[in-house]
Amino acid sequence: MLTLRKAEQRGHFNHGWLDTYHSFSFAGYYDERFMGFSALRIINEDRVEPSQGFGTHSHKDMEILTYVLSGTIAHKDSMGNEERVPSGEFQIMSAGSGITHSEFNLLSEPFAFLSNLD
């Protein structure tokens, strides 16, 4: 069964540096009706302020897809990869046995991206 969920119905948190919307239960947002879909864990829309970002953190046994809506995301991981992913581009990261990475906004304008974990 398909369920239409409008953007304004998603979980929302504004942390100052991060304005985030959660489609499924994630972090401090819990809604038993939206606990993910099969192996899909999250679909988040994140808006990150200039010179801010997600510090080094780990993932294991998942595929991570990021689509940059606006701006450019700077990515660095424990495999030695450093990339800048501009608006309109995808980044796909496989975190099999484990990986650490960080994502930052190096520009003077906020950037926005969608991410999912499965």
N, C-alpha and C. Protein backbone atom coordinates (compact mmCIF):
# COMPACT_ATOMS: atom_id res chain seq x y z
N MET A 1 0.83 -1.17 0.00
CA MET A 1 0.00 0.00 0.00
C MET A 1 0.89 1.25 0.00
N LEU A 2 0.53 2.22 -0.80
CA LEU A 2 1.25 3.48 -0.85
C LEU A 2 0.63 4.47 0.13
N THR A 3 1.49 5.21 0.80
CA THR A 3 1.04 6.24 1.72
C THR A 3 1.65 7.56 1.28
N LEU A 4 0.80 8.54 1.03
CA LEU A 4 1.29 9.87 0.67
C LEU A 4 1.63 10.60 1.96
N ARG A 5 2.87 11.06 2.05
CA ARG A 5 3.30 11.82 3.22
C ARG A 5 3.86 13.14 2.73
N LYS A 6 3.16 14.20 3.01
CA LYS A 6 3.58 15.52 2.54
C LYS A 6 4.78 16.00 3.34
N ALA A 7 5.58 16.84 2.70
CA ALA A 7 6.83 17.31 3.30
C ALA A 7 6.62 17.92 4.68
N GLU A 8 5.56 18.70 4.86
CA GLU A 8 5.33 19.37 6.14
C GLU A 8 4.89 18.41 7.24
N GLN A 9 4.63 17.15 6.90
CA GLN A 9 4.23 16.15 7.90
C GLN A 9 5.42 15.37 8.45
N ARG A 10 6.59 15.59 7.89
CA ARG A 10 7.78 14.86 8.34
C ARG A 10 8.28 15.40 9.69
N GLY A 11 9.09 14.59 10.35
CA GLY A 11 9.73 15.05 11.58
C GLY A 11 10.69 16.17 11.24
N HIS A 12 10.73 17.21 12.08
CA HIS A 12 11.57 18.38 11.79
C HIS A 12 12.31 18.82 13.04
N PHE A 13 13.61 19.09 12.87
CA PHE A 13 14.43 19.64 13.95
C PHE A 13 15.34 20.70 13.35
N ASN A 14 15.48 21.82 14.06
CA ASN A 14 16.44 22.84 13.66
C ASN A 14 17.45 22.97 14.78
N HIS A 15 18.68 22.56 14.47
CA HIS A 15 19.76 22.56 15.45
C HIS A 15 20.65 23.80 15.31
N GLY A 16 20.20 24.79 14.56
CA GLY A 16 21.01 25.99 14.32
C GLY A 16 21.89 25.79 13.10
N TRP A 17 22.86 24.93 13.20
CA TRP A 17 23.76 24.65 12.08
C TRP A 17 23.14 23.67 11.08
N LEU A 18 22.14 22.90 11.55
CA LEU A 18 21.50 21.86 10.74
C LEU A 18 19.99 21.99 10.87
N ASP A 19 19.33 22.15 9.72
CA ASP A 19 17.87 22.15 9.66
C ASP A 19 17.50 20.86 8.94
N THR A 20 16.84 19.93 9.64
CA THR A 20 16.67 18.58 9.11
C THR A 20 15.23 18.11 9.17
N TYR A 21 14.84 17.35 8.15
CA TYR A 21 13.52 16.76 8.04
C TYR A 21 13.67 15.26 7.88
N HIS A 22 12.93 14.49 8.68
CA HIS A 22 13.03 13.03 8.68
C HIS A 22 11.74 12.40 8.16
N SER A 23 11.87 11.58 7.13
CA SER A 23 10.71 10.86 6.60
C SER A 23 10.34 9.66 7.46
N PHE A 24 11.34 9.04 8.10
CA PHE A 24 11.13 7.89 8.97
C PHE A 24 11.68 8.22 10.35
N SER A 25 11.28 7.43 11.35
CA SER A 25 11.82 7.60 12.69
C SER A 25 13.35 7.57 12.62
N PHE A 26 13.97 8.57 13.26
CA PHE A 26 15.43 8.70 13.19
C PHE A 26 15.88 9.64 14.29
N ALA A 27 16.97 9.28 14.96
CA ALA A 27 17.56 10.11 16.02
C ALA A 27 16.48 10.47 17.04
N GLY A 28 16.22 11.76 17.27
CA GLY A 28 15.24 12.18 18.26
C GLY A 28 13.80 12.18 17.77
N TYR A 29 13.57 11.78 16.54
CA TYR A 29 12.22 11.76 15.98
C TYR A 29 11.71 10.32 15.96
N TYR A 30 10.56 10.10 16.60
CA TYR A 30 9.97 8.76 16.62
C TYR A 30 8.50 8.84 16.23
N ASP A 31 8.13 8.06 15.25
CA ASP A 31 6.74 7.90 14.85
C ASP A 31 6.57 6.45 14.43
N GLU A 32 5.84 5.67 15.23
CA GLU A 32 5.73 4.22 14.97
C GLU A 32 5.12 3.92 13.61
N ARG A 33 4.41 4.88 13.01
CA ARG A 33 3.84 4.67 11.67
C ARG A 33 4.89 4.74 10.58
N PHE A 34 6.04 5.33 10.89
CA PHE A 34 7.09 5.53 9.89
C PHE A 34 8.42 5.01 10.43
N MET A 35 8.53 3.69 10.42
CA MET A 35 9.72 3.03 10.95
C MET A 35 10.65 2.53 9.85
N GLY A 36 10.55 3.10 8.67
CA GLY A 36 11.38 2.65 7.57
C GLY A 36 10.57 1.78 6.62
N PHE A 37 11.19 1.41 5.57
CA PHE A 37 10.53 0.60 4.55
C PHE A 37 11.49 -0.49 4.14
N SER A 38 11.22 -1.71 4.57
CA SER A 38 12.09 -2.84 4.28
C SER A 38 13.49 -2.53 4.80
N ALA A 39 14.50 -2.58 3.94
CA ALA A 39 15.87 -2.30 4.36
C ALA A 39 16.18 -0.81 4.40
N LEU A 40 15.28 0.03 3.87
CA LEU A 40 15.50 1.47 3.86
C LEU A 40 15.36 2.02 5.28
N ARG A 41 16.40 2.66 5.78
CA ARG A 41 16.39 3.15 7.16
C ARG A 41 15.97 4.60 7.28
N ILE A 42 16.46 5.45 6.37
CA ILE A 42 16.13 6.87 6.45
C ILE A 42 15.98 7.47 5.06
N ILE A 43 15.23 8.54 5.00
CA ILE A 43 15.28 9.50 3.91
C ILE A 43 15.23 10.85 4.63
N ASN A 44 16.37 11.50 4.72
CA ASN A 44 16.47 12.78 5.41
C ASN A 44 16.75 13.89 4.41
N GLU A 45 16.18 15.04 4.66
CA GLU A 45 16.53 16.26 3.92
C GLU A 45 17.24 17.16 4.91
N ASP A 46 18.51 17.43 4.65
CA ASP A 46 19.33 18.22 5.55
C ASP A 46 19.79 19.50 4.88
N ARG A 47 19.72 20.60 5.63
CA ARG A 47 20.23 21.89 5.19
C ARG A 47 21.30 22.30 6.19
N VAL A 48 22.52 22.46 5.70
CA VAL A 48 23.68 22.69 6.56
C VAL A 48 24.21 24.11 6.33
N GLU A 49 24.40 24.84 7.42
CA GLU A 49 24.90 26.21 7.36
C GLU A 49 26.37 26.24 6.92
N PRO A 50 26.82 27.40 6.41
CA PRO A 50 28.22 27.54 5.99
C PRO A 50 29.20 27.20 7.11
N SER A 51 30.32 26.59 6.73
CA SER A 51 31.41 26.21 7.65
C SER A 51 30.96 25.23 8.72
N GLN A 52 29.89 24.50 8.47
CA GLN A 52 29.37 23.53 9.43
C GLN A 52 29.26 22.16 8.74
N GLY A 53 29.02 21.14 9.52
CA GLY A 53 28.84 19.83 8.93
C GLY A 53 28.83 18.72 9.96
N PHE A 54 28.86 17.51 9.45
CA PHE A 54 28.84 16.30 10.26
C PHE A 54 30.28 15.85 10.47
N GLY A 55 30.74 15.86 11.71
CA GLY A 55 32.10 15.40 12.01
C GLY A 55 32.25 13.92 11.69
N THR A 56 33.43 13.42 11.86
CA THR A 56 33.72 12.02 11.54
C THR A 56 32.82 11.09 12.35
N HIS A 57 32.14 10.20 11.63
CA HIS A 57 31.25 9.23 12.25
C HIS A 57 31.30 7.95 11.42
N SER A 58 30.81 6.86 11.98
CA SER A 58 30.96 5.57 11.31
C SER A 58 29.63 5.02 10.80
N HIS A 59 29.77 4.14 9.82
CA HIS A 59 28.65 3.36 9.27
C HIS A 59 29.18 1.96 9.00
N LYS A 60 28.30 0.97 9.05
CA LYS A 60 28.69 -0.41 8.78
C LYS A 60 27.50 -1.14 8.17
N ASP A 61 27.79 -1.97 7.19
CA ASP A 61 26.78 -2.83 6.55
C ASP A 61 25.60 -2.04 5.98
N MET A 62 25.91 -1.01 5.21
CA MET A 62 24.84 -0.24 4.57
C MET A 62 25.35 0.46 3.32
N GLU A 63 24.42 0.82 2.48
CA GLU A 63 24.67 1.64 1.30
C GLU A 63 24.12 3.02 1.60
N ILE A 64 24.87 4.05 1.27
CA ILE A 64 24.46 5.42 1.56
C ILE A 64 24.43 6.19 0.25
N LEU A 65 23.27 6.72 -0.06
CA LEU A 65 23.08 7.51 -1.27
C LEU A 65 22.79 8.94 -0.86
N THR A 66 23.54 9.88 -1.40
CA THR A 66 23.35 11.30 -1.13
C THR A 66 23.12 12.02 -2.44
N TYR A 67 22.08 12.84 -2.48
CA TYR A 67 21.80 13.68 -3.64
C TYR A 67 21.85 15.13 -3.18
N VAL A 68 22.72 15.93 -3.81
CA VAL A 68 22.89 17.32 -3.40
C VAL A 68 21.86 18.18 -4.12
N LEU A 69 20.99 18.82 -3.32
CA LEU A 69 19.93 19.68 -3.86
C LEU A 69 20.45 21.06 -4.23
N SER A 70 21.32 21.61 -3.40
CA SER A 70 21.90 22.93 -3.66
C SER A 70 23.25 23.02 -2.95
N GLY A 71 24.14 23.85 -3.49
CA GLY A 71 25.46 24.01 -2.90
C GLY A 71 26.37 22.85 -3.26
N THR A 72 27.38 22.63 -2.42
CA THR A 72 28.37 21.58 -2.62
C THR A 72 28.70 20.94 -1.28
N ILE A 73 28.75 19.62 -1.25
CA ILE A 73 29.10 18.90 -0.04
C ILE A 73 30.55 18.42 -0.16
N ALA A 74 31.33 18.63 0.89
CA ALA A 74 32.71 18.14 0.94
C ALA A 74 32.71 16.86 1.76
N HIS A 75 33.20 15.79 1.18
CA HIS A 75 33.19 14.46 1.81
C HIS A 75 34.62 13.97 1.97
N LYS A 76 34.90 13.37 3.13
CA LYS A 76 36.21 12.77 3.40
C LYS A 76 35.96 11.49 4.17
N ASP A 77 36.65 10.38 3.77
CA ASP A 77 36.41 9.13 4.48
C ASP A 77 37.71 8.41 4.82
N SER A 78 37.56 7.33 5.60
CA SER A 78 38.71 6.57 6.10
C SER A 78 39.39 5.73 5.04
N MET A 79 38.83 5.70 3.84
CA MET A 79 39.46 4.97 2.73
C MET A 79 40.39 5.89 1.94
N GLY A 80 40.52 7.15 2.38
CA GLY A 80 41.38 8.11 1.70
C GLY A 80 40.68 8.91 0.62
N ASN A 81 39.38 8.76 0.49
CA ASN A 81 38.63 9.51 -0.52
C ASN A 81 38.29 10.90 0.00
N GLU A 82 38.52 11.90 -0.84
CA GLU A 82 38.09 13.27 -0.57
C GLU A 82 37.43 13.79 -1.83
N GLU A 83 36.17 14.17 -1.71
CA GLU A 83 35.41 14.62 -2.88
C GLU A 83 34.60 15.85 -2.53
N ARG A 84 34.31 16.61 -3.55
CA ARG A 84 33.33 17.69 -3.46
C ARG A 84 32.22 17.34 -4.43
N VAL A 85 31.02 17.23 -3.90
CA VAL A 85 29.88 16.81 -4.71
C VAL A 85 28.97 18.03 -4.89
N PRO A 86 28.84 18.51 -6.13
CA PRO A 86 28.04 19.71 -6.38
C PRO A 86 26.56 19.42 -6.55
N SER A 87 25.78 20.48 -6.55
CA SER A 87 24.34 20.41 -6.75
C SER A 87 24.01 19.60 -8.00
N GLY A 88 23.00 18.73 -7.89
CA GLY A 88 22.57 17.92 -9.02
C GLY A 88 23.32 16.61 -9.17
N GLU A 89 24.28 16.35 -8.30
CA GLU A 89 25.08 15.12 -8.38
C GLU A 89 24.73 14.17 -7.23
N PHE A 90 25.02 12.90 -7.45
CA PHE A 90 24.84 11.85 -6.45
C PHE A 90 26.19 11.41 -5.92
N GLN A 91 26.20 10.95 -4.69
CA GLN A 91 27.34 10.25 -4.12
C GLN A 91 26.81 8.94 -3.58
N ILE A 92 27.47 7.85 -3.90
CA ILE A 92 27.09 6.53 -3.41
C ILE A 92 28.28 5.98 -2.63
N MET A 93 28.01 5.56 -1.39
CA MET A 93 29.09 5.03 -0.56
C MET A 93 28.65 3.69 0.00
N SER A 94 29.49 2.68 -0.18
CA SER A 94 29.24 1.36 0.39
C SER A 94 30.04 1.24 1.67
N ALA A 95 29.36 0.94 2.76
CA ALA A 95 30.01 0.80 4.06
C ALA A 95 29.84 -0.64 4.52
N GLY A 96 30.58 -1.55 3.91
CA GLY A 96 30.47 -2.97 4.23
C GLY A 96 30.96 -3.29 5.62
N SER A 97 32.26 -3.52 5.77
CA SER A 97 32.80 -3.91 7.07
C SER A 97 32.99 -2.72 8.00
N GLY A 98 32.78 -1.52 7.48
CA GLY A 98 32.87 -0.33 8.32
C GLY A 98 33.66 0.77 7.64
N ILE A 99 33.22 1.98 7.83
CA ILE A 99 33.88 3.15 7.26
C ILE A 99 33.57 4.34 8.16
N THR A 100 34.49 5.25 8.26
CA THR A 100 34.21 6.52 8.93
C THR A 100 34.30 7.60 7.87
N HIS A 101 33.46 8.63 8.04
CA HIS A 101 33.49 9.72 7.07
C HIS A 101 32.94 10.99 7.70
N SER A 102 33.18 12.11 7.03
CA SER A 102 32.64 13.39 7.45
C SER A 102 32.11 14.11 6.22
N GLU A 103 31.16 15.03 6.46
CA GLU A 103 30.56 15.81 5.39
C GLU A 103 30.46 17.25 5.88
N PHE A 104 30.94 18.19 5.07
CA PHE A 104 30.96 19.59 5.49
C PHE A 104 30.55 20.52 4.37
N ASN A 105 30.11 21.69 4.78
CA ASN A 105 29.79 22.78 3.87
C ASN A 105 30.96 23.76 3.92
N LEU A 106 31.75 23.81 2.87
CA LEU A 106 32.90 24.70 2.82
C LEU A 106 32.60 26.03 2.15
N LEU A 107 31.35 26.20 1.72
CA LEU A 107 30.97 27.41 0.99
C LEU A 107 30.36 28.45 1.92
N SER A 108 30.11 29.64 1.39
CA SER A 108 29.53 30.73 2.18
C SER A 108 28.01 30.72 2.18
N GLU A 109 27.40 29.79 1.44
CA GLU A 109 25.95 29.65 1.38
C GLU A 109 25.56 28.29 1.96
N PRO A 110 24.37 28.19 2.57
CA PRO A 110 23.92 26.88 3.04
C PRO A 110 23.81 25.89 1.88
N PHE A 111 23.99 24.61 2.16
CA PHE A 111 23.73 23.61 1.14
C PHE A 111 22.66 22.66 1.65
N ALA A 112 21.99 21.99 0.72
CA ALA A 112 20.92 21.07 1.07
C ALA A 112 21.14 19.75 0.35
N PHE A 113 20.84 18.65 1.03
CA PHE A 113 20.96 17.35 0.37
C PHE A 113 19.96 16.37 0.95
N LEU A 114 19.66 15.36 0.15
CA LEU A 114 18.85 14.24 0.57
C LEU A 114 19.76 13.05 0.80
N SER A 115 19.53 12.31 1.84
CA SER A 115 20.32 11.10 2.04
C SER A 115 19.41 9.95 2.44
N ASN A 116 19.84 8.76 2.08
CA ASN A 116 19.15 7.57 2.55
C ASN A 116 20.16 6.54 2.95
N LEU A 117 19.78 5.69 3.86
CA LEU A 117 20.61 4.59 4.32
C LEU A 117 19.81 3.32 4.16
N ASP A 118 20.44 2.31 3.61
CA ASP A 118 19.78 1.00 3.58
C ASP A 118 20.80 -0.06 3.90
